[in-house]
Amino acid sequence: MKVIIVGNMRSGTTVINESLGCPSELSLTHEILHSSSEGGNVTWRDAYWPSDLFHSSNINNKKKQPVYIDIISQVLEMYDGFKIVYDQLHSQSQLWTFLTNQCRIIHLLRDDKFQMAASAALSTANGKWQRKPSESWKDKPIFIDPDWLATNIERSEQWEEDFRKMLPDALEVHYEDFEEWDKTMSRILKFLDLKQETLPPTLAKRTTNYSEVITNYKKLKTDPKFHKYFKSLKYFL
């Protein structure tokens, strides 16, 4: 049984991937692709793999689908699964047809797109994407461009809609469900036909108070484009 975990950045894909790697039945590997923040190019994460398996190249091209389908097939021979984020393969319908026939797919969603985008901006600016439970962390304040934020949210909503259409049989798990972590993990284990066991989260919430680390927070809060996202700010990763 093979597993693919897919979702947007800051939707919980990493903590689910790592936590699911704890059961003895599953052997999950790292995120196998890398998205360039500069140009949006997607490359193989060569550092994790033998040089004869991966070769750095821009794969954000439909013509190259057979090439990386073959490589991903080899990865799935070595491991039970891995994670992918939206921007890496959002337009590769042929690949997703292949994966849906080969794997069980867990689709991570995050309802609060404002916090998801803000968390990505903070992570990029602070150079910190993950926090272990025993680790303390305080973000340095940043300014978030309202136009960038609106574009990011709009794109995230479109990608989410596209992936829901491509993956009708995937198990949808919402980031907000993590408030009931044990219940959420139990549902995932049942979907994967794995034995029920306690799987604590391997990562901790960011515990950031956005009003303290986003310098234009009050202005964003009064912007009509973002009103719906300020109804309940209680999830901070």
Protein backbone atom coordinates (compact mmCIF):
# COMPACT_ATOMS: atom_id res chain seq x y z
CA MET A 1 0.00 0.00 0.00
CA LYS A 2 1.40 3.37 -1.13
CA VAL A 3 0.57 6.79 0.30
CA ILE A 4 0.82 10.30 -1.15
CA ILE A 5 0.24 13.35 1.04
CA VAL A 6 -0.66 16.47 -0.91
CA GLY A 7 -1.61 20.01 0.04
CA ASN A 8 -0.56 23.63 -0.04
CA MET A 9 2.44 24.96 1.85
CA ARG A 10 1.58 25.44 5.55
CA SER A 11 -1.43 23.13 5.37
CA GLY A 12 0.05 20.41 7.58
CA THR A 13 1.59 18.09 5.00
CA THR A 14 4.93 17.82 6.81
CA VAL A 15 3.58 16.94 10.25
CA ILE A 16 1.26 14.31 8.75
CA ASN A 17 4.07 12.87 6.63
CA GLU A 18 6.44 12.67 9.61
CA SER A 19 3.86 11.38 12.07
CA LEU A 20 2.66 8.68 9.68
CA GLY A 21 6.26 7.57 9.28
CA CYS A 22 6.23 6.37 12.89
CA PRO A 23 4.18 3.16 12.42
CA SER A 24 6.26 0.10 11.67
CA GLU A 25 4.03 -0.67 8.66
CA LEU A 26 4.96 2.51 6.78
CA SER A 27 8.25 3.77 5.44
CA LEU A 28 7.72 7.33 4.18
CA THR A 29 10.48 9.46 2.74
CA HIS A 30 11.06 13.19 2.42
CA GLU A 31 9.43 15.65 0.07
CA ILE A 32 11.10 14.61 -3.19
CA LEU A 33 10.65 17.86 -5.11
CA HIS A 34 11.86 21.40 -4.50
CA SER A 35 10.11 24.61 -5.55
CA SER A 36 12.32 27.60 -6.31
CA SER A 37 11.13 30.77 -4.59
CA GLU A 38 12.96 32.84 -7.21
CA GLY A 39 11.60 31.50 -10.46
CA GLY A 40 8.93 29.00 -9.52
CA ASN A 41 10.94 26.18 -11.10
CA VAL A 42 10.53 22.67 -9.75
CA THR A 43 13.54 20.39 -9.38
CA TRP A 44 14.30 17.01 -7.86
CA ARG A 45 15.80 17.13 -4.38
CA ASP A 46 19.03 15.46 -5.50
CA ALA A 47 20.63 15.60 -2.07
CA TYR A 48 18.28 12.88 -0.81
CA TRP A 49 18.87 10.44 -3.65
CA PRO A 50 21.58 8.55 -5.56
CA SER A 51 22.95 10.57 -8.47
CA ASP A 52 21.93 7.89 -10.96
CA LEU A 53 18.25 8.23 -9.92
CA PHE A 54 17.68 11.97 -9.93
CA HIS A 55 19.12 14.68 -12.16
CA SER A 56 18.50 18.39 -11.41
CA SER A 57 16.26 19.76 -14.11
CA ASN A 58 13.21 21.93 -14.46
CA ILE A 59 10.30 19.46 -14.55
CA ASN A 60 7.49 22.02 -14.65
CA ASN A 61 6.80 20.96 -18.22
CA LYS A 62 4.07 18.60 -19.40
CA LYS A 63 6.37 17.01 -21.99
CA LYS A 64 8.54 15.59 -19.22
CA GLN A 65 5.74 13.74 -17.43
CA PRO A 66 6.83 10.24 -18.56
CA VAL A 67 10.33 10.93 -17.23
CA TYR A 68 9.29 11.76 -13.68
CA ILE A 69 6.48 9.20 -13.62
CA ASP A 70 9.23 6.64 -14.17
CA ILE A 71 11.38 8.17 -11.41
CA ILE A 72 8.48 8.39 -8.95
CA SER A 73 7.72 4.74 -9.70
CA GLN A 74 11.26 3.92 -8.62
CA VAL A 75 10.81 5.98 -5.44
CA LEU A 76 7.63 4.05 -4.65
CA GLU A 77 9.54 0.80 -5.03
CA MET A 78 11.91 1.95 -2.28
CA TYR A 79 9.39 3.69 0.02
CA ASP A 80 5.71 3.56 0.87
CA GLY A 81 5.12 7.20 0.04
CA PHE A 82 6.03 10.88 0.33
CA LYS A 83 4.51 14.37 0.28
CA ILE A 84 3.94 16.83 -2.55
CA VAL A 85 2.78 20.45 -2.32
CA TYR A 86 0.41 22.09 -4.80
CA ASP A 87 2.85 24.34 -6.64
CA GLN A 88 5.16 21.47 -7.54
CA LEU A 89 2.81 19.42 -9.72
CA HIS A 90 -0.49 21.26 -9.88
CA SER A 91 -0.76 21.08 -13.68
CA GLN A 92 0.43 17.51 -14.18
CA SER A 93 -2.83 15.64 -14.80
CA GLN A 94 -1.10 12.60 -16.31
CA LEU A 95 1.00 12.13 -13.19
CA TRP A 96 -2.01 12.44 -10.88
CA THR A 97 -3.93 9.87 -12.92
CA PHE A 98 -0.99 7.54 -12.41
CA LEU A 99 -0.76 8.27 -8.67
CA THR A 100 -4.48 7.87 -8.01
CA ASN A 101 -4.30 4.40 -9.58
CA GLN A 102 -1.26 3.42 -7.53
CA CYS A 103 -1.68 5.13 -4.15
CA ARG A 104 -4.04 6.18 -1.43
CA ILE A 105 -4.00 9.94 -1.28
CA ILE A 106 -4.42 12.18 1.76
CA HIS A 107 -5.40 15.70 0.75
CA LEU A 108 -4.55 18.39 3.32
CA LEU A 109 -6.65 21.56 3.30
CA ARG A 110 -6.55 24.71 5.38
CA ASP A 111 -9.73 26.74 5.67
CA ASP A 112 -8.07 29.95 6.82
CA LYS A 113 -6.14 30.99 3.73
CA PHE A 114 -5.04 34.24 5.37
CA GLN A 115 -3.17 32.43 8.11
CA MET A 116 -1.77 29.93 5.64
CA ALA A 117 -0.30 32.72 3.49
CA ALA A 118 0.89 34.70 6.52
CA SER A 119 2.61 31.62 7.92
CA ALA A 120 4.40 31.05 4.61
CA ALA A 121 5.53 34.68 4.53
CA LEU A 122 6.81 34.48 8.12
CA SER A 123 8.57 31.18 7.47
CA THR A 124 10.32 32.56 4.40
CA ALA A 125 11.35 35.82 6.06
CA ASN A 126 12.58 34.11 9.24
CA GLY A 127 14.17 31.12 7.53
CA LYS A 128 12.24 28.81 9.85
CA TRP A 129 9.68 26.34 8.49
CA GLN A 130 9.40 23.81 11.28
CA ARG A 131 9.44 23.80 15.08
CA LYS A 132 9.98 20.73 17.23
CA PRO A 133 7.82 20.36 20.37
CA SER A 134 10.82 21.05 22.63
CA GLU A 135 11.95 24.12 20.67
CA SER A 136 11.02 27.75 21.38
CA TRP A 137 10.83 30.30 18.62
CA LYS A 138 9.93 33.97 18.16
CA ASP A 139 9.40 35.45 14.70
CA LYS A 140 10.85 38.79 13.71
CA PRO A 141 8.17 41.25 12.50
CA ILE A 142 7.47 41.55 8.78
CA PHE A 143 5.33 43.64 6.43
CA ILE A 144 2.97 41.67 4.17
CA ASP A 145 2.09 43.27 0.86
CA PRO A 146 -1.74 43.25 0.55
CA ASP A 147 -1.57 42.59 -3.20
CA TRP A 148 0.78 39.64 -2.69
CA LEU A 149 -1.52 38.31 0.03
CA ALA A 150 -4.64 38.59 -2.13
CA THR A 151 -2.90 36.88 -5.05
CA ASN A 152 -1.59 34.10 -2.82
CA ILE A 153 -5.03 33.43 -1.34
CA GLU A 154 -6.73 33.47 -4.75
CA ARG A 155 -4.15 31.05 -6.16
CA SER A 156 -4.47 28.74 -3.15
CA GLU A 157 -8.24 28.62 -3.51
CA GLN A 158 -7.93 27.79 -7.22
CA TRP A 159 -5.35 25.06 -6.63
CA GLU A 160 -7.50 23.57 -3.90
CA GLU A 161 -10.48 23.44 -6.24
CA ASP A 162 -8.36 21.90 -9.01
CA PHE A 163 -6.96 19.19 -6.75
CA ARG A 164 -10.37 18.33 -5.38
CA LYS A 165 -11.50 17.64 -8.94
CA MET A 166 -8.39 15.60 -9.74
CA LEU A 167 -8.52 13.60 -6.50
CA PRO A 168 -12.18 12.71 -5.86
CA ASP A 169 -11.28 9.60 -3.87
CA ALA A 170 -8.69 11.23 -1.63
CA LEU A 171 -9.19 11.49 2.11
CA GLU A 172 -9.64 15.18 2.90
CA VAL A 173 -8.10 16.32 6.17
CA HIS A 174 -8.42 19.91 7.30
CA TYR A 175 -5.63 21.66 9.15
CA GLU A 176 -8.24 22.87 11.62
CA ASP A 177 -8.96 19.21 12.46
CA PHE A 178 -5.56 19.09 14.20
CA GLU A 179 -7.25 20.58 17.26
CA GLU A 180 -8.52 17.00 17.73
CA TRP A 181 -5.23 15.39 16.78
CA ASP A 182 -5.86 11.83 18.03
CA LYS A 183 -9.26 11.68 16.36
CA THR A 184 -7.80 12.98 13.10
CA MET A 185 -4.94 10.49 13.10
CA SER A 186 -7.36 7.67 13.87
CA ARG A 187 -9.38 8.60 10.79
CA ILE A 188 -6.22 8.62 8.65
CA LEU A 189 -5.08 5.24 9.97
CA LYS A 190 -8.51 3.78 9.22
CA PHE A 191 -8.38 5.16 5.67
CA LEU A 192 -4.99 3.49 5.19
CA ASP A 193 -6.14 0.19 6.76
CA LEU A 194 -3.43 0.47 9.40
CA LYS A 195 -3.75 -0.61 13.00
CA GLN A 196 -5.00 2.03 15.41
CA GLU A 197 -2.23 3.45 17.57
CA THR A 198 -1.28 6.71 19.24
CA LEU A 199 0.83 8.88 16.95
CA PRO A 200 1.81 12.17 18.60
CA PRO A 201 2.62 15.13 16.34
CA THR A 202 6.32 15.36 15.50
CA LEU A 203 6.12 19.13 15.08
CA ALA A 204 4.68 21.90 17.23
CA LYS A 205 2.46 24.82 16.30
CA ARG A 206 4.21 28.06 15.51
CA THR A 207 2.30 29.80 18.37
CA THR A 208 2.64 33.16 16.69
CA ASN A 209 0.43 36.12 17.55
CA TYR A 210 0.02 37.62 14.09
CA SER A 211 -0.88 41.05 15.44
CA GLU A 212 2.60 41.24 16.98
CA VAL A 213 4.67 40.04 14.03
CA ILE A 214 2.82 41.51 11.04
CA THR A 215 3.51 45.24 11.09
CA ASN A 216 0.48 46.11 8.93
CA TYR A 217 -1.82 43.62 10.63
CA LYS A 218 -4.48 46.21 11.58
CA LYS A 219 -4.64 47.52 8.02
CA LEU A 220 -5.01 44.02 6.62
CA LYS A 221 -7.73 43.29 9.16
CA THR A 222 -9.81 46.23 7.90
CA ASP A 223 -9.33 45.32 4.23
CA PRO A 224 -12.66 43.94 2.89
CA LYS A 225 -10.78 41.29 0.90
CA PHE A 226 -9.68 39.58 4.11
CA HIS A 227 -12.64 40.13 6.45
CA LYS A 228 -13.82 36.53 6.44
CA TYR A 229 -10.44 35.30 7.67
CA PHE A 230 -10.51 37.31 10.89
CA LYS A 231 -13.58 35.66 12.39
CA SER A 232 -11.59 33.14 14.42
CA LEU A 233 -7.79 33.36 14.68
CA LYS A 234 -6.80 30.45 16.84
CA TYR A 235 -4.61 28.22 14.69
CA PHE A 236 -1.00 29.33 14.50
CA LEU A 237 1.41 27.13 12.57
